[in-house]
C-alpha atoms as a PDB file:
ATOM      1  CA  MET A   1     259.833 -19.954 179.932  1.00  0.00           C
ATOM      2  CA  ARG A   2     256.724 -18.525 178.269  1.00  0.00           C
ATOM      3  CA  ARG A   3     254.512 -20.422 180.662  1.00  0.00           C
ATOM      4  CA  ALA A   4     256.368 -18.963 183.612  1.00  0.00           C
ATOM      5  CA  LEU A   5     255.907 -15.441 182.274  1.00  0.00           C
ATOM      6  CA  ILE A   6     252.213 -16.048 181.724  1.00  0.00           C
ATOM      7  CA  LEU A   7     251.649 -17.706 185.095  1.00  0.00           C
ATOM      8  CA  LEU A   8     253.641 -15.179 187.142  1.00  0.00           C
ATOM      9  CA  PRO A   9     251.085 -12.325 186.884  1.00  0.00           C
ATOM     10  CA  LEU A  10     248.257 -14.751 187.595  1.00  0.00           C
ATOM     11  CA  LEU A  11     250.012 -16.052 190.697  1.00  0.00           C
ATOM     12  CA  LEU A  12     250.735 -12.559 191.926  1.00  0.00           C
ATOM     13  CA  ALA A  13     247.112 -11.530 191.392  1.00  0.00           C
ATOM     14  CA  ALA A  14     245.913 -14.558 193.345  1.00  0.00           C
ATOM     15  CA  CYS A  15     248.146 -13.743 196.314  1.00  0.00           C
ATOM     16  CA  HIS A  16     246.507 -10.454 197.273  1.00  0.00           C
ATOM     17  CA  SER A  17     245.513 -10.160 200.903  1.00  0.00           C
ATOM     18  CA  GLU A  18     241.888 -10.158 201.962  1.00  0.00           C
ATOM     19  CA  PRO A  19     240.463  -7.014 203.522  1.00  0.00           C
ATOM     20  CA  ALA A  20     240.928  -6.647 207.256  1.00  0.00           C
ATOM     21  CA  PHE A  21     238.051  -7.170 209.671  1.00  0.00           C
ATOM     22  CA  ASP A  22     237.647  -3.438 210.244  1.00  0.00           C
ATOM     23  CA  GLU A  23     237.366  -2.784 206.509  1.00  0.00           C
ATOM     24  CA  ARG A  24     234.763  -5.525 206.065  1.00  0.00           C
ATOM     25  CA  TYR A  25     232.864  -4.292 209.138  1.00  0.00           C
ATOM     26  CA  ASP A  26     232.805  -0.697 207.896  1.00  0.00           C
ATOM     27  CA  LYS A  27     231.591  -1.815 204.469  1.00  0.00           C
ATOM     28  CA  ALA A  28     228.829  -3.962 205.978  1.00  0.00           C
ATOM     29  CA  ALA A  29     227.813  -1.161 208.358  1.00  0.00           C
ATOM     30  CA  LYS A  30     227.500   1.286 205.463  1.00  0.00           C
ATOM     31  CA  GLU A  31     225.385  -1.177 203.475  1.00  0.00           C
ATOM     32  CA  ILE A  32     223.106  -1.829 206.451  1.00  0.00           C
ATOM     33  CA  ASP A  33     222.746   1.899 207.103  1.00  0.00           C
ATOM     34  CA  ALA A  34     221.847   2.519 203.463  1.00  0.00           C
ATOM     35  CA  ARG A  35     219.243  -0.250 203.519  1.00  0.00           C
ATOM     36  CA  ALA A  36     217.752   1.085 206.764  1.00  0.00           C
ATOM     37  CA  LYS A  37     217.452   4.588 205.317  1.00  0.00           C
ATOM     38  CA  ALA A  38     215.801   3.194 202.186  1.00  0.00           C
ATOM     39  CA  MET A  39     213.325   1.221 204.305  1.00  0.00           C
ATOM     40  CA  ASP A  40     212.530   4.285 206.411  1.00  0.00           C
ATOM     41  CA  ALA A  41     211.927   6.310 203.263  1.00  0.00           C
ATOM     42  CA  ASN A  42     209.603   3.613 201.870  1.00  0.00           C
ATOM     43  CA  ILE A  43     207.654   3.435 205.138  1.00  0.00           C
ATOM     44  CA  ALA A  44     207.309   7.212 205.308  1.00  0.00           C
ATOM     45  CA  GLU A  45     206.107   7.305 201.701  1.00  0.00           C
ATOM     46  CA  ALA A  46     203.568   4.530 202.336  1.00  0.00           C
ATOM     47  CA  GLU A  47     202.276   6.259 205.489  1.00  0.00           C
ATOM     48  CA  LYS A  48     201.943   9.532 203.605  1.00  0.00           C
ATOM     49  CA  ALA A  49     200.010   7.826 200.809  1.00  0.00           C
ATOM     50  CA  ALA A  50     197.760   6.032 203.298  1.00  0.00           C
ATOM     51  CA  ALA A  51     197.032   9.269 205.142  1.00  0.00           C
ATOM     52  CA  ALA A  52     196.104  10.968 201.887  1.00  0.00           C
ATOM     53  CA  THR A  53     193.601   8.284 200.892  1.00  0.00           C
ATOM     54  CA  THR A  54     191.775   7.792 204.216  1.00  0.00           C
ATOM     55  CA  PRO A  55     190.361  10.826 206.003  1.00  0.00           C
ATOM     56  CA  GLU A  56     191.011  10.747 209.741  1.00  0.00           C
ATOM     57  CA  ALA A  57     187.705  12.379 210.664  1.00  0.00           C
ATOM     58  CA  LYS A  58     185.632   9.560 209.182  1.00  0.00           C
ATOM     59  CA  ALA A  59     183.782   7.661 211.927  1.00  0.00           C
ATOM     60  CA  LEU A  60     183.357   3.927 211.972  1.00  0.00           C
ATOM     61  CA  PRO A  61     180.041   2.641 210.577  1.00  0.00           C
ATOM     62  CA  ALA A  62     177.335   1.561 213.004  1.00  0.00           C
ATOM     63  CA  PRO A  63     177.473  -2.118 213.918  1.00  0.00           C
ATOM     64  CA  ALA A  64     175.120  -4.314 211.908  1.00  0.00           C
ATOM     65  CA  ASN A  65     172.285  -6.221 213.539  1.00  0.00           C
ATOM     66  CA  PRO A  66     173.000  -9.937 213.946  1.00  0.00           C
ATOM     67  CA  ALA A  67     171.448 -12.133 211.254  1.00  0.00           C
ATOM     68  CA  ASN A  68     170.377 -14.869 213.684  1.00  0.00           C
ATOM     69  CA  ALA A  69     168.249 -14.513 216.781  1.00  0.00           C
ATOM     70  CA  PRO A  70     169.951 -15.196 220.090  1.00  0.00           C
ATOM     71  CA  SER A  71     169.816 -18.812 221.175  1.00  0.00           C
ATOM     72  CA  SER A  72     167.314 -19.852 223.816  1.00  0.00           C
ATOM     73  CA  SER A  73     168.250 -21.103 227.225  1.00  0.00           C
ATOM     74  CA  GLY A  74     166.316 -24.325 226.616  1.00  0.00           C
ATOM     75  CA  GLU A  75     163.654 -23.742 229.281  1.00  0.00           C
END
């Protein structure tokens, strides 16, 4: 009798229904949306930091002269 009283709540707890598809879909959609917003925020922060460290008006350096002379045609 004691075993039945102890097992009854455990059996009832194990028999709960799983969430419906719509509930699982909504939960997954919210998680994906939150991750996307976090990624966008990280990208925006990284772009802002990169823009602050490299001035846009800085020109590229002049190309260096080649170290080796051009090869001959063999004539």
